[in-house]
Amino acid sequence: MPRNRAGDQRARRKGWGVDRCALILHSLGDIAAIFLGLRILLYLLDANQANVFVDFVHGVADWLAGWSQDIFTMDTEGLRIFFNYAPPAVVYLGIGHGAAAWLRRL
């Protein structure tokens, strides 16, 4: 039976757009989680606070986790950093991967 090549190409092009959008959502969630994880890691490794890269990571992570800041207030600074930046990282991963999976199913 002959295949309809024009129809196959249209279906493939449509799938590429959905896959690209899903990849973008997936990647944005990953990038957000990476910045939040870097914030935790830089604190645990006692990074130089005067460094431009460390300052940039702190600024981005503070912006990404602004909605969840000070949910947990603890005396130990390390635990406070971990519990204020790890949950948003998990949320961004869940939203990014979940939205990408949902979009691919459409």
N, C-alpha and C. Protein backbone atom coordinates (compact mmCIF):
# COMPACT_ATOMS: atom_id res chain seq x y z
N MET A 1 0.85 -1.17 0.00
CA MET A 1 0.00 0.00 0.00
C MET A 1 0.90 1.24 0.00
N PRO A 2 0.71 2.19 -0.89
CA PRO A 2 1.55 3.39 -0.94
C PRO A 2 1.27 4.30 0.25
N ARG A 3 2.33 4.91 0.73
CA ARG A 3 2.20 5.81 1.87
C ARG A 3 2.03 7.24 1.39
N ASN A 4 1.33 8.01 2.14
CA ASN A 4 1.14 9.42 1.85
C ASN A 4 2.32 10.21 2.43
N ARG A 5 3.30 10.49 1.61
CA ARG A 5 4.51 11.15 2.09
C ARG A 5 4.25 12.58 2.57
N ALA A 6 3.39 13.30 1.91
CA ALA A 6 3.11 14.68 2.32
C ALA A 6 2.47 14.69 3.71
N GLY A 7 1.55 13.77 3.96
CA GLY A 7 0.91 13.69 5.27
C GLY A 7 1.89 13.29 6.36
N ASP A 8 2.80 12.38 6.05
CA ASP A 8 3.83 11.97 7.01
C ASP A 8 4.73 13.14 7.37
N GLN A 9 5.10 13.94 6.36
CA GLN A 9 5.98 15.07 6.61
C GLN A 9 5.28 16.13 7.46
N ARG A 10 4.00 16.37 7.21
CA ARG A 10 3.26 17.33 8.02
C ARG A 10 3.16 16.86 9.46
N ALA A 11 2.89 15.58 9.66
CA ALA A 11 2.78 15.04 11.01
C ALA A 11 4.12 15.13 11.74
N ARG A 12 5.21 14.86 11.00
CA ARG A 12 6.52 14.95 11.61
C ARG A 12 6.86 16.38 11.99
N ARG A 13 6.52 17.35 11.14
CA ARG A 13 6.79 18.75 11.45
C ARG A 13 6.00 19.20 12.68
N LYS A 14 4.76 18.77 12.77
CA LYS A 14 3.93 19.13 13.92
C LYS A 14 4.53 18.54 15.19
N GLY A 15 4.99 17.31 15.11
CA GLY A 15 5.62 16.67 16.25
C GLY A 15 6.91 17.35 16.67
N TRP A 16 7.66 17.87 15.70
CA TRP A 16 8.89 18.58 16.03
C TRP A 16 8.61 19.82 16.86
N GLY A 17 7.55 20.54 16.53
CA GLY A 17 7.21 21.73 17.29
C GLY A 17 6.84 21.41 18.72
N VAL A 18 6.05 20.38 18.89
CA VAL A 18 5.64 19.96 20.23
C VAL A 18 6.86 19.47 21.01
N ASP A 19 7.70 18.69 20.34
CA ASP A 19 8.90 18.18 21.01
C ASP A 19 9.84 19.31 21.41
N ARG A 20 9.95 20.32 20.55
CA ARG A 20 10.82 21.46 20.89
C ARG A 20 10.27 22.24 22.07
N CYS A 21 8.98 22.47 22.10
CA CYS A 21 8.36 23.17 23.24
C CYS A 21 8.54 22.37 24.52
N ALA A 22 8.34 21.06 24.42
CA ALA A 22 8.52 20.19 25.58
C ALA A 22 9.97 20.22 26.05
N LEU A 23 10.90 20.21 25.11
CA LEU A 23 12.31 20.27 25.46
C LEU A 23 12.66 21.58 26.15
N ILE A 24 12.07 22.67 25.69
CA ILE A 24 12.31 23.98 26.30
C ILE A 24 11.80 23.99 27.75
N LEU A 25 10.59 23.50 27.96
CA LEU A 25 10.04 23.44 29.32
C LEU A 25 10.88 22.55 30.22
N HIS A 26 11.26 21.41 29.70
CA HIS A 26 12.08 20.46 30.42
C HIS A 26 13.41 21.10 30.81
N SER A 27 14.03 21.80 29.87
CA SER A 27 15.33 22.43 30.10
C SER A 27 15.23 23.59 31.08
N LEU A 28 14.17 24.38 30.99
CA LEU A 28 14.00 25.49 31.93
C LEU A 28 13.87 25.00 33.37
N GLY A 29 13.13 23.92 33.56
CA GLY A 29 13.02 23.33 34.90
C GLY A 29 14.37 22.83 35.39
N ASP A 30 15.13 22.21 34.51
CA ASP A 30 16.46 21.71 34.88
C ASP A 30 17.40 22.86 35.23
N ILE A 31 17.39 23.92 34.43
CA ILE A 31 18.27 25.05 34.67
C ILE A 31 17.94 25.72 36.01
N ALA A 32 16.66 25.88 36.30
CA ALA A 32 16.26 26.47 37.58
C ALA A 32 16.75 25.61 38.74
N ALA A 33 16.59 24.30 38.62
CA ALA A 33 17.03 23.39 39.69
C ALA A 33 18.55 23.42 39.83
N ILE A 34 19.26 23.57 38.72
CA ILE A 34 20.73 23.62 38.77
C ILE A 34 21.18 24.87 39.53
N PHE A 35 20.58 26.01 39.27
CA PHE A 35 20.96 27.23 39.98
C PHE A 35 20.67 27.11 41.48
N LEU A 36 19.54 26.51 41.83
CA LEU A 36 19.22 26.35 43.24
C LEU A 36 20.16 25.35 43.91
N GLY A 37 20.49 24.28 43.19
CA GLY A 37 21.45 23.31 43.72
C GLY A 37 22.84 23.91 43.86
N LEU A 38 23.23 24.75 42.89
CA LEU A 38 24.52 25.43 43.00
C LEU A 38 24.57 26.36 44.20
N ARG A 39 23.47 27.01 44.49
CA ARG A 39 23.40 27.91 45.66
C ARG A 39 23.69 27.12 46.93
N ILE A 40 23.07 25.95 47.05
CA ILE A 40 23.30 25.11 48.22
C ILE A 40 24.75 24.63 48.26
N LEU A 41 25.24 24.16 47.13
CA LEU A 41 26.60 23.64 47.05
C LEU A 41 27.65 24.71 47.35
N LEU A 42 27.46 25.91 46.81
CA LEU A 42 28.41 26.98 47.07
C LEU A 42 28.43 27.37 48.54
N TYR A 43 27.29 27.29 49.19
CA TYR A 43 27.26 27.58 50.63
C TYR A 43 27.99 26.48 51.40
N LEU A 44 27.69 25.22 51.06
CA LEU A 44 28.30 24.11 51.79
C LEU A 44 29.81 24.05 51.59
N LEU A 45 30.30 24.49 50.42
CA LEU A 45 31.73 24.49 50.15
C LEU A 45 32.41 25.79 50.62
N ASP A 46 31.65 26.67 51.25
CA ASP A 46 32.14 27.93 51.79
C ASP A 46 32.83 28.76 50.70
N ALA A 47 32.09 29.00 49.62
CA ALA A 47 32.63 29.75 48.48
C ALA A 47 32.84 31.21 48.86
N ASN A 48 33.77 31.85 48.18
CA ASN A 48 34.10 33.25 48.40
C ASN A 48 32.89 34.12 48.01
N GLN A 49 32.32 34.79 48.97
CA GLN A 49 31.12 35.59 48.74
C GLN A 49 31.40 36.82 47.88
N ALA A 50 32.66 37.23 47.78
CA ALA A 50 33.01 38.41 46.98
C ALA A 50 33.20 38.07 45.50
N ASN A 51 33.19 36.79 45.15
CA ASN A 51 33.38 36.36 43.77
C ASN A 51 32.15 36.73 42.94
N VAL A 52 32.39 37.17 41.72
CA VAL A 52 31.30 37.61 40.83
C VAL A 52 30.38 36.44 40.48
N PHE A 53 30.95 35.26 40.19
CA PHE A 53 30.13 34.09 39.85
C PHE A 53 29.26 33.67 41.02
N VAL A 54 29.84 33.65 42.21
CA VAL A 54 29.07 33.27 43.41
C VAL A 54 27.94 34.27 43.64
N ASP A 55 28.22 35.55 43.45
CA ASP A 55 27.20 36.58 43.61
C ASP A 55 26.09 36.41 42.58
N PHE A 56 26.46 36.08 41.34
CA PHE A 56 25.47 35.86 40.29
C PHE A 56 24.57 34.67 40.62
N VAL A 57 25.17 33.57 41.05
CA VAL A 57 24.39 32.37 41.40
C VAL A 57 23.46 32.68 42.57
N HIS A 58 23.95 33.40 43.56
CA HIS A 58 23.10 33.76 44.70
C HIS A 58 21.92 34.62 44.27
N GLY A 59 22.18 35.58 43.39
CA GLY A 59 21.10 36.45 42.91
C GLY A 59 20.04 35.69 42.15
N VAL A 60 20.47 34.82 41.24
CA VAL A 60 19.50 34.03 40.46
C VAL A 60 18.73 33.09 41.37
N ALA A 61 19.44 32.42 42.27
CA ALA A 61 18.77 31.48 43.18
C ALA A 61 17.79 32.20 44.11
N ASP A 62 18.18 33.37 44.59
CA ASP A 62 17.27 34.14 45.45
C ASP A 62 16.02 34.54 44.68
N TRP A 63 16.18 34.91 43.42
CA TRP A 63 15.02 35.28 42.61
C TRP A 63 14.12 34.08 42.36
N LEU A 64 14.73 32.92 42.03
CA LEU A 64 13.94 31.72 41.75
C LEU A 64 13.22 31.21 42.99
N ALA A 65 13.84 31.35 44.14
CA ALA A 65 13.25 30.83 45.37
C ALA A 65 12.59 31.93 46.20
N GLY A 66 12.36 33.07 45.60
CA GLY A 66 11.76 34.19 46.33
C GLY A 66 10.41 33.86 46.93
N TRP A 67 9.63 33.05 46.25
CA TRP A 67 8.30 32.69 46.73
C TRP A 67 8.34 31.73 47.93
N SER A 68 9.48 31.11 48.16
CA SER A 68 9.55 30.12 49.25
C SER A 68 10.54 30.51 50.33
N GLN A 69 11.05 31.73 50.28
CA GLN A 69 12.05 32.12 51.27
C GLN A 69 11.45 32.15 52.67
N ASP A 70 12.24 31.67 53.60
CA ASP A 70 11.92 31.67 55.03
C ASP A 70 10.67 30.87 55.38
N ILE A 71 10.38 29.86 54.59
CA ILE A 71 9.34 28.92 55.01
C ILE A 71 9.84 28.18 56.25
N PHE A 72 11.12 27.83 56.21
CA PHE A 72 11.75 27.16 57.34
C PHE A 72 12.75 28.11 57.97
N THR A 73 12.55 28.43 59.22
CA THR A 73 13.50 29.28 59.94
C THR A 73 14.17 28.42 61.00
N MET A 74 15.48 28.28 60.85
CA MET A 74 16.25 27.43 61.76
C MET A 74 17.47 28.20 62.24
N ASP A 75 18.00 27.77 63.36
CA ASP A 75 19.19 28.42 63.89
C ASP A 75 20.43 28.06 63.08
N THR A 76 20.51 26.83 62.60
CA THR A 76 21.66 26.40 61.83
C THR A 76 21.54 26.93 60.41
N GLU A 77 22.53 27.73 60.01
CA GLU A 77 22.48 28.38 58.70
C GLU A 77 22.48 27.37 57.55
N GLY A 78 23.26 26.30 57.66
CA GLY A 78 23.33 25.29 56.61
C GLY A 78 21.98 24.61 56.38
N LEU A 79 21.28 24.28 57.45
CA LEU A 79 19.95 23.66 57.31
C LEU A 79 18.95 24.65 56.73
N ARG A 80 19.07 25.91 57.15
CA ARG A 80 18.16 26.93 56.63
C ARG A 80 18.35 27.10 55.12
N ILE A 81 19.59 27.15 54.67
CA ILE A 81 19.87 27.27 53.24
C ILE A 81 19.32 26.06 52.50
N PHE A 82 19.59 24.87 53.02
CA PHE A 82 19.13 23.66 52.35
C PHE A 82 17.60 23.60 52.25
N PHE A 83 16.93 23.84 53.36
CA PHE A 83 15.47 23.69 53.36
C PHE A 83 14.73 24.86 52.71
N ASN A 84 15.41 25.95 52.43
CA ASN A 84 14.78 27.05 51.70
C ASN A 84 15.06 27.02 50.21
N TYR A 85 16.05 26.24 49.77
CA TYR A 85 16.38 26.18 48.34
C TYR A 85 16.12 24.81 47.72
N ALA A 86 16.13 23.75 48.49
CA ALA A 86 15.89 22.41 47.93
C ALA A 86 14.43 22.20 47.50
N PRO A 87 13.44 22.55 48.31
CA PRO A 87 12.04 22.35 47.86
C PRO A 87 11.69 23.10 46.56
N PRO A 88 12.12 24.36 46.38
CA PRO A 88 11.83 24.99 45.09
C PRO A 88 12.50 24.27 43.92
N ALA A 89 13.70 23.72 44.14
CA ALA A 89 14.37 22.97 43.08
C ALA A 89 13.54 21.76 42.68
N VAL A 90 12.99 21.07 43.66
CA VAL A 90 12.14 19.90 43.38
C VAL A 90 10.86 20.34 42.67
N VAL A 91 10.29 21.46 43.08
CA VAL A 91 9.08 21.97 42.45
C VAL A 91 9.34 22.33 40.99
N TYR A 92 10.45 23.03 40.72
CA TYR A 92 10.77 23.39 39.33
C TYR A 92 11.04 22.16 38.48
N LEU A 93 11.72 21.17 39.04
CA LEU A 93 11.94 19.92 38.30
C LEU A 93 10.60 19.24 37.99
N GLY A 94 9.74 19.17 38.99
CA GLY A 94 8.44 18.52 38.80
C GLY A 94 7.57 19.24 37.77
N ILE A 95 7.53 20.56 37.86
CA ILE A 95 6.72 21.33 36.91
C ILE A 95 7.30 21.23 35.51
N GLY A 96 8.60 21.40 35.37
CA GLY A 96 9.24 21.35 34.05
C GLY A 96 9.08 19.99 33.39
N HIS A 97 9.37 18.94 34.13
CA HIS A 97 9.27 17.60 33.55
C HIS A 97 7.81 17.19 33.35
N GLY A 98 6.95 17.56 34.29
CA GLY A 98 5.53 17.21 34.16
C GLY A 98 4.87 17.94 32.99
N ALA A 99 5.16 19.22 32.85
CA ALA A 99 4.58 19.98 31.72
C ALA A 99 5.10 19.45 30.39
N ALA A 100 6.37 19.07 30.34
CA ALA A 100 6.94 18.54 29.11
C ALA A 100 6.28 17.20 28.76
N ALA A 101 6.09 16.35 29.75
CA ALA A 101 5.45 15.05 29.50
C ALA A 101 4.00 15.25 29.05
N TRP A 102 3.29 16.18 29.68
CA TRP A 102 1.90 16.45 29.31
C TRP A 102 1.84 16.96 27.86
N LEU A 103 2.74 17.86 27.51
CA LEU A 103 2.75 18.44 26.18
C LEU A 103 3.05 17.39 25.12
N ARG A 104 3.94 16.47 25.42
CA ARG A 104 4.27 15.41 24.46
C ARG A 104 3.11 14.46 24.21
N ARG A 105 2.23 14.34 25.22
CA ARG A 105 1.07 13.43 25.06
C ARG A 105 -0.03 14.03 24.22
N LEU A 106 -0.03 15.33 24.03
CA LEU A 106 -1.10 15.99 23.25
C LEU A 106 -1.12 15.52 21.83
